[in-house]
Amino acid sequence: MPLFLQRASCGFPSPASDYLEGSLDLNRHCISHPAATFYLRAEGESMTGVGIFPGDVLVVDKSLTARHGDVVIALLDGGFTVKILQLTPRLALLPANPAFAPLAVDAEQGFELFGVVTHVIGNLRQRDGHCAG
């Protein structure tokens, strides 16, 4: 895919440039550890505060050590969930939407950290109720 040298301003427009920087390979851009990386599609509204919307594709790296505040994929009670990892003061999985409650984690729940979300691929037109295509 072509990658323009000129950056797109999120404030005032900057002069357009016809110069290409080169090509952008999304696999190389998004994946540092190919053997440990997978894609997962997001479902639900609990992570909209960090820019994850229903239907978005999450790039998940299983080789990374999850840190406090990372967006993670966890296996909880036999199902996957995407949440913000809270390590202190006690282990919890936090939503990024105030309409949802945090998930307290205890040993009996079969909790496992599955990977760290490193990138989100989303369709902005679908987020506004438009049908892309």
N, C-alpha and C. Protein backbone atom coordinates (compact mmCIF):
# COMPACT_ATOMS: atom_id res chain seq x y z
N MET A 1 0.84 -1.17 0.00
CA MET A 1 0.00 0.00 0.00
C MET A 1 0.89 1.24 0.00
N PRO A 2 0.52 2.28 -0.72
CA PRO A 2 1.32 3.51 -0.74
C PRO A 2 1.27 4.22 0.61
N LEU A 3 2.38 4.80 1.01
CA LEU A 3 2.46 5.59 2.24
C LEU A 3 2.98 6.97 1.86
N PHE A 4 2.18 8.00 2.09
CA PHE A 4 2.58 9.36 1.75
C PHE A 4 3.59 9.88 2.76
N LEU A 5 4.56 10.63 2.27
CA LEU A 5 5.57 11.25 3.11
C LEU A 5 4.94 12.32 3.99
N GLN A 6 4.01 13.08 3.44
CA GLN A 6 3.32 14.14 4.17
C GLN A 6 2.39 13.53 5.21
N ARG A 7 2.41 14.08 6.41
CA ARG A 7 1.51 13.61 7.46
C ARG A 7 0.20 14.39 7.39
N ALA A 8 -0.87 13.80 7.86
CA ALA A 8 -2.17 14.46 7.89
C ALA A 8 -2.33 15.16 9.23
N SER A 9 -2.56 16.46 9.20
CA SER A 9 -2.71 17.24 10.41
C SER A 9 -4.06 16.95 11.05
N CYS A 10 -4.05 16.77 12.36
CA CYS A 10 -5.31 16.61 13.09
C CYS A 10 -5.83 17.96 13.58
N GLY A 11 -5.07 19.03 13.32
CA GLY A 11 -5.49 20.39 13.66
C GLY A 11 -5.84 21.11 12.38
N PHE A 12 -5.07 22.15 12.06
CA PHE A 12 -5.30 22.89 10.83
C PHE A 12 -4.67 22.15 9.66
N PRO A 13 -5.28 22.23 8.49
CA PRO A 13 -4.74 21.52 7.32
C PRO A 13 -3.33 21.99 6.98
N SER A 14 -2.52 21.06 6.51
CA SER A 14 -1.19 21.41 6.04
C SER A 14 -1.18 21.24 4.53
N PRO A 15 -0.26 21.92 3.84
CA PRO A 15 -0.24 21.80 2.38
C PRO A 15 -0.07 20.35 1.94
N ALA A 16 -0.80 19.96 0.90
CA ALA A 16 -0.72 18.59 0.39
C ALA A 16 0.60 18.37 -0.32
N SER A 17 1.01 17.14 -0.34
CA SER A 17 2.25 16.78 -1.01
C SER A 17 1.98 15.60 -1.93
N ASP A 18 2.60 15.63 -3.11
CA ASP A 18 2.43 14.53 -4.05
C ASP A 18 3.51 13.47 -3.88
N TYR A 19 4.33 13.60 -2.87
CA TYR A 19 5.46 12.69 -2.72
C TYR A 19 5.10 11.51 -1.83
N LEU A 20 5.45 10.33 -2.28
CA LEU A 20 5.24 9.12 -1.50
C LEU A 20 6.50 8.79 -0.72
N GLU A 21 6.32 8.34 0.51
CA GLU A 21 7.45 7.88 1.32
C GLU A 21 7.86 6.49 0.87
N GLY A 22 6.93 5.70 0.43
CA GLY A 22 7.19 4.32 0.02
C GLY A 22 5.94 3.51 0.23
N SER A 23 6.12 2.26 0.50
CA SER A 23 4.99 1.36 0.74
C SER A 23 4.88 1.06 2.23
N LEU A 24 3.69 0.75 2.64
CA LEU A 24 3.44 0.37 4.03
C LEU A 24 2.85 -1.02 4.03
N ASP A 25 3.55 -1.95 4.64
CA ASP A 25 3.07 -3.31 4.81
C ASP A 25 2.46 -3.38 6.21
N LEU A 26 1.14 -3.51 6.30
CA LEU A 26 0.48 -3.50 7.61
C LEU A 26 0.94 -4.66 8.48
N ASN A 27 1.29 -5.79 7.90
CA ASN A 27 1.80 -6.89 8.71
C ASN A 27 3.11 -6.49 9.39
N ARG A 28 4.01 -5.85 8.66
CA ARG A 28 5.28 -5.43 9.25
C ARG A 28 5.08 -4.28 10.24
N HIS A 29 4.12 -3.42 9.96
CA HIS A 29 3.85 -2.27 10.83
C HIS A 29 3.20 -2.69 12.15
N CYS A 30 2.30 -3.67 12.10
CA CYS A 30 1.50 -4.03 13.27
C CYS A 30 2.01 -5.26 14.02
N ILE A 31 2.87 -6.04 13.41
CA ILE A 31 3.24 -7.32 14.01
C ILE A 31 4.74 -7.39 14.26
N SER A 32 5.12 -7.42 15.53
CA SER A 32 6.53 -7.55 15.90
C SER A 32 6.95 -9.00 16.07
N HIS A 33 6.02 -9.83 16.48
CA HIS A 33 6.30 -11.25 16.75
C HIS A 33 5.29 -12.12 16.01
N PRO A 34 5.51 -12.38 14.72
CA PRO A 34 4.53 -13.08 13.89
C PRO A 34 4.06 -14.43 14.46
N ALA A 35 4.96 -15.20 15.03
CA ALA A 35 4.58 -16.52 15.53
C ALA A 35 3.69 -16.43 16.77
N ALA A 36 3.68 -15.27 17.43
CA ALA A 36 2.91 -15.13 18.66
C ALA A 36 1.77 -14.13 18.52
N THR A 37 1.45 -13.73 17.30
CA THR A 37 0.44 -12.70 17.08
C THR A 37 -0.77 -13.28 16.36
N PHE A 38 -1.95 -12.85 16.78
CA PHE A 38 -3.18 -13.26 16.11
C PHE A 38 -4.14 -12.08 16.07
N TYR A 39 -5.18 -12.22 15.27
CA TYR A 39 -6.23 -11.21 15.15
C TYR A 39 -7.48 -11.73 15.84
N LEU A 40 -8.22 -10.82 16.42
CA LEU A 40 -9.47 -11.16 17.10
C LEU A 40 -10.44 -10.01 16.84
N ARG A 41 -11.69 -10.32 16.54
CA ARG A 41 -12.68 -9.27 16.27
C ARG A 41 -13.37 -8.88 17.58
N ALA A 42 -13.48 -7.57 17.81
CA ALA A 42 -14.11 -7.04 19.02
C ALA A 42 -15.62 -7.12 18.91
N GLU A 43 -16.24 -7.28 20.08
CA GLU A 43 -17.69 -7.35 20.16
C GLU A 43 -18.11 -6.58 21.42
N GLY A 44 -19.17 -5.83 21.34
CA GLY A 44 -19.67 -5.12 22.51
C GLY A 44 -19.14 -3.70 22.61
N GLU A 45 -19.63 -2.97 23.61
CA GLU A 45 -19.38 -1.53 23.76
C GLU A 45 -18.51 -1.17 24.96
N SER A 46 -17.97 -2.16 25.68
CA SER A 46 -17.29 -1.85 26.94
C SER A 46 -15.92 -1.20 26.79
N MET A 47 -15.37 -1.15 25.56
CA MET A 47 -14.02 -0.60 25.38
C MET A 47 -13.99 0.62 24.46
N THR A 48 -15.12 1.25 24.25
CA THR A 48 -15.18 2.39 23.34
C THR A 48 -14.33 3.56 23.81
N GLY A 49 -14.10 3.68 25.11
CA GLY A 49 -13.30 4.77 25.66
C GLY A 49 -11.83 4.74 25.25
N VAL A 50 -11.34 3.59 24.80
CA VAL A 50 -9.97 3.50 24.30
C VAL A 50 -9.96 3.29 22.79
N GLY A 51 -11.11 3.52 22.15
CA GLY A 51 -11.16 3.45 20.69
C GLY A 51 -11.39 2.07 20.11
N ILE A 52 -11.92 1.15 20.91
CA ILE A 52 -12.26 -0.19 20.41
C ILE A 52 -13.77 -0.28 20.31
N PHE A 53 -14.25 -0.50 19.08
CA PHE A 53 -15.68 -0.54 18.81
C PHE A 53 -16.08 -1.90 18.25
N PRO A 54 -17.38 -2.24 18.33
CA PRO A 54 -17.83 -3.53 17.79
C PRO A 54 -17.40 -3.70 16.34
N GLY A 55 -16.86 -4.86 16.03
CA GLY A 55 -16.42 -5.17 14.68
C GLY A 55 -14.98 -4.84 14.39
N ASP A 56 -14.33 -4.05 15.26
CA ASP A 56 -12.91 -3.73 15.06
C ASP A 56 -12.08 -5.01 15.14
N VAL A 57 -10.97 -5.01 14.42
CA VAL A 57 -10.04 -6.14 14.46
C VAL A 57 -8.91 -5.76 15.41
N LEU A 58 -8.67 -6.61 16.39
CA LEU A 58 -7.62 -6.38 17.37
C LEU A 58 -6.40 -7.20 17.00
N VAL A 59 -5.23 -6.57 17.05
CA VAL A 59 -3.96 -7.28 16.84
C VAL A 59 -3.45 -7.61 18.24
N VAL A 60 -3.28 -8.90 18.51
CA VAL A 60 -2.95 -9.38 19.86
C VAL A 60 -1.61 -10.11 19.83
N ASP A 61 -0.71 -9.70 20.71
CA ASP A 61 0.63 -10.31 20.80
C ASP A 61 0.71 -11.12 22.10
N LYS A 62 0.82 -12.44 21.95
CA LYS A 62 0.90 -13.33 23.12
C LYS A 62 2.29 -13.33 23.75
N SER A 63 3.31 -12.82 23.05
CA SER A 63 4.67 -12.89 23.57
C SER A 63 4.99 -11.76 24.55
N LEU A 64 4.15 -10.73 24.60
CA LEU A 64 4.42 -9.59 25.47
C LEU A 64 3.98 -9.88 26.90
N THR A 65 4.73 -9.36 27.85
CA THR A 65 4.34 -9.44 29.25
C THR A 65 3.37 -8.30 29.53
N ALA A 66 2.18 -8.65 29.97
CA ALA A 66 1.15 -7.64 30.24
C ALA A 66 1.54 -6.80 31.44
N ARG A 67 1.35 -5.48 31.31
CA ARG A 67 1.66 -4.54 32.38
C ARG A 67 0.37 -3.86 32.84
N HIS A 68 0.43 -3.30 34.03
CA HIS A 68 -0.68 -2.53 34.58
C HIS A 68 -1.09 -1.45 33.57
N GLY A 69 -2.36 -1.41 33.20
CA GLY A 69 -2.86 -0.41 32.26
C GLY A 69 -2.90 -0.85 30.82
N ASP A 70 -2.31 -2.01 30.50
CA ASP A 70 -2.38 -2.53 29.13
C ASP A 70 -3.79 -2.98 28.79
N VAL A 71 -4.16 -2.86 27.53
CA VAL A 71 -5.39 -3.48 27.04
C VAL A 71 -5.02 -4.92 26.71
N VAL A 72 -5.75 -5.85 27.31
CA VAL A 72 -5.40 -7.26 27.19
C VAL A 72 -6.60 -8.09 26.73
N ILE A 73 -6.27 -9.27 26.23
CA ILE A 73 -7.28 -10.30 26.00
C ILE A 73 -7.10 -11.29 27.14
N ALA A 74 -8.18 -11.56 27.86
CA ALA A 74 -8.13 -12.50 28.97
C ALA A 74 -9.15 -13.60 28.72
N LEU A 75 -8.81 -14.77 29.20
CA LEU A 75 -9.74 -15.89 29.19
C LEU A 75 -10.32 -15.95 30.60
N LEU A 76 -11.61 -15.75 30.70
CA LEU A 76 -12.27 -15.68 32.00
C LEU A 76 -13.55 -16.49 31.94
N ASP A 77 -13.68 -17.45 32.82
CA ASP A 77 -14.87 -18.32 32.85
C ASP A 77 -15.12 -18.97 31.49
N GLY A 78 -14.07 -19.33 30.78
CA GLY A 78 -14.20 -20.05 29.52
C GLY A 78 -14.43 -19.18 28.30
N GLY A 79 -14.44 -17.85 28.45
CA GLY A 79 -14.66 -16.97 27.30
C GLY A 79 -13.63 -15.86 27.25
N PHE A 80 -13.39 -15.34 26.04
CA PHE A 80 -12.46 -14.23 25.88
C PHE A 80 -13.13 -12.91 26.23
N THR A 81 -12.37 -12.01 26.82
CA THR A 81 -12.82 -10.65 27.06
C THR A 81 -11.65 -9.70 26.80
N VAL A 82 -11.95 -8.52 26.31
CA VAL A 82 -10.92 -7.48 26.13
C VAL A 82 -11.20 -6.39 27.17
N LYS A 83 -10.18 -6.11 27.97
CA LYS A 83 -10.31 -5.13 29.05
C LYS A 83 -8.95 -4.50 29.34
N ILE A 84 -8.96 -3.49 30.20
CA ILE A 84 -7.73 -2.87 30.69
C ILE A 84 -7.29 -3.65 31.93
N LEU A 85 -6.04 -4.05 31.96
CA LEU A 85 -5.51 -4.83 33.08
C LEU A 85 -5.15 -3.93 34.25
N GLN A 86 -5.73 -4.23 35.40
CA GLN A 86 -5.37 -3.56 36.65
C GLN A 86 -4.65 -4.58 37.52
N LEU A 87 -3.41 -4.30 37.86
CA LEU A 87 -2.64 -5.21 38.71
C LEU A 87 -2.66 -4.80 40.18
N THR A 88 -2.74 -3.48 40.43
CA THR A 88 -2.76 -2.99 41.81
C THR A 88 -3.91 -1.99 41.97
N PRO A 89 -4.54 -1.87 43.09
CA PRO A 89 -4.22 -2.54 44.33
C PRO A 89 -4.61 -4.02 44.36
N ARG A 90 -5.54 -4.43 43.48
CA ARG A 90 -5.82 -5.85 43.35
C ARG A 90 -6.18 -6.14 41.91
N LEU A 91 -5.97 -7.37 41.50
CA LEU A 91 -6.18 -7.78 40.12
C LEU A 91 -7.63 -7.58 39.70
N ALA A 92 -7.82 -6.86 38.57
CA ALA A 92 -9.15 -6.64 38.02
C ALA A 92 -9.02 -6.36 36.53
N LEU A 93 -10.12 -6.54 35.83
CA LEU A 93 -10.21 -6.22 34.41
C LEU A 93 -11.20 -5.07 34.28
N LEU A 94 -10.72 -3.95 33.75
CA LEU A 94 -11.52 -2.73 33.74
C LEU A 94 -12.07 -2.42 32.35
N PRO A 95 -13.34 -2.02 32.28
CA PRO A 95 -13.88 -1.56 31.00
C PRO A 95 -13.40 -0.14 30.73
N ALA A 96 -13.56 0.31 29.50
CA ALA A 96 -13.24 1.69 29.13
C ALA A 96 -14.52 2.41 28.74
N ASN A 97 -15.57 2.13 29.48
CA ASN A 97 -16.88 2.73 29.25
C ASN A 97 -17.58 2.73 30.62
N PRO A 98 -17.96 3.90 31.13
CA PRO A 98 -18.54 3.96 32.48
C PRO A 98 -19.87 3.22 32.63
N ALA A 99 -20.49 2.81 31.53
CA ALA A 99 -21.74 2.06 31.61
C ALA A 99 -21.52 0.60 32.02
N PHE A 100 -20.26 0.17 32.09
CA PHE A 100 -19.93 -1.22 32.42
C PHE A 100 -19.14 -1.28 33.72
N ALA A 101 -19.33 -2.37 34.46
CA ALA A 101 -18.65 -2.55 35.74
C ALA A 101 -17.32 -3.27 35.56
N PRO A 102 -16.34 -2.97 36.43
CA PRO A 102 -15.08 -3.72 36.42
C PRO A 102 -15.33 -5.19 36.76
N LEU A 103 -14.43 -6.04 36.29
CA LEU A 103 -14.52 -7.47 36.60
C LEU A 103 -13.43 -7.81 37.61
N ALA A 104 -13.83 -8.15 38.83
CA ALA A 104 -12.86 -8.62 39.82
C ALA A 104 -12.44 -10.03 39.42
N VAL A 105 -11.19 -10.35 39.64
CA VAL A 105 -10.66 -11.65 39.23
C VAL A 105 -10.20 -12.41 40.46
N ASP A 106 -10.65 -13.67 40.58
CA ASP A 106 -10.13 -14.52 41.65
C ASP A 106 -9.71 -15.86 41.06
N ALA A 107 -9.00 -16.64 41.84
CA ALA A 107 -8.38 -17.88 41.36
C ALA A 107 -9.39 -18.91 40.88
N GLU A 108 -10.58 -18.91 41.40
CA GLU A 108 -11.58 -19.92 41.03
C GLU A 108 -12.19 -19.70 39.64
N GLN A 109 -11.96 -18.57 39.03
CA GLN A 109 -12.63 -18.24 37.78
C GLN A 109 -11.96 -18.81 36.54
N GLY A 110 -10.85 -19.46 36.67
CA GLY A 110 -10.16 -19.95 35.48
C GLY A 110 -9.61 -18.80 34.65
N PHE A 111 -9.01 -17.82 35.30
CA PHE A 111 -8.48 -16.63 34.64
C PHE A 111 -7.13 -16.90 34.01
N GLU A 112 -6.95 -16.44 32.76
CA GLU A 112 -5.66 -16.54 32.08
C GLU A 112 -5.48 -15.33 31.18
N LEU A 113 -4.33 -14.67 31.28
CA LEU A 113 -4.01 -13.59 30.34
C LEU A 113 -3.60 -14.23 29.03
N PHE A 114 -4.25 -13.86 27.96
CA PHE A 114 -4.02 -14.51 26.67
C PHE A 114 -3.10 -13.70 25.77
N GLY A 115 -3.08 -12.38 25.93
CA GLY A 115 -2.22 -11.55 25.10
C GLY A 115 -2.50 -10.08 25.31
N VAL A 116 -1.61 -9.25 24.75
CA VAL A 116 -1.72 -7.79 24.85
C VAL A 116 -2.18 -7.25 23.50
N VAL A 117 -3.19 -6.40 23.52
CA VAL A 117 -3.67 -5.76 22.29
C VAL A 117 -2.67 -4.66 21.93
N THR A 118 -2.09 -4.76 20.73
CA THR A 118 -1.09 -3.78 20.31
C THR A 118 -1.63 -2.79 19.28
N HIS A 119 -2.61 -3.18 18.49
CA HIS A 119 -3.18 -2.30 17.47
C HIS A 119 -4.67 -2.61 17.32
N VAL A 120 -5.40 -1.61 16.85
CA VAL A 120 -6.83 -1.74 16.56
C VAL A 120 -7.05 -1.31 15.12
N ILE A 121 -7.72 -2.14 14.36
CA ILE A 121 -8.05 -1.82 12.97
C ILE A 121 -9.57 -1.68 12.90
N GLY A 122 -10.02 -0.47 12.61
CA GLY A 122 -11.46 -0.23 12.61
C GLY A 122 -11.91 0.52 11.38
N ASN A 123 -13.20 0.45 11.11
CA ASN A 123 -13.81 1.12 9.98
C ASN A 123 -14.62 2.30 10.51
N LEU A 124 -14.12 3.51 10.31
CA LEU A 124 -14.77 4.69 10.86
C LEU A 124 -16.18 4.89 10.32
N ARG A 125 -16.42 4.51 9.09
CA ARG A 125 -17.76 4.69 8.52
C ARG A 125 -18.77 3.78 9.20
N GLN A 126 -18.35 2.60 9.58
CA GLN A 126 -19.27 1.71 10.28
C GLN A 126 -19.56 2.21 11.69
N ARG A 127 -18.62 2.91 12.29
CA ARG A 127 -18.83 3.43 13.65
C ARG A 127 -19.91 4.49 13.68
N ASP A 128 -20.08 5.22 12.61
CA ASP A 128 -21.11 6.26 12.55
C ASP A 128 -22.43 5.73 12.00
N GLY A 129 -22.56 4.43 11.91
CA GLY A 129 -23.78 3.86 11.39
C GLY A 129 -23.83 3.77 9.88
N HIS A 130 -22.76 4.17 9.20
CA HIS A 130 -22.70 4.05 7.75
C HIS A 130 -22.35 2.62 7.38
N CYS A 131 -22.73 2.23 6.22
CA CYS A 131 -22.36 0.92 5.71
C CYS A 131 -21.19 1.10 4.76
N ALA A 132 -20.04 0.56 5.12
CA ALA A 132 -18.86 0.69 4.25
C ALA A 132 -18.99 -0.24 3.07
N GLY A 133 -18.44 0.21 1.98
CA GLY A 133 -18.40 -0.70 0.85
C GLY A 133 -18.74 -0.10 -0.43
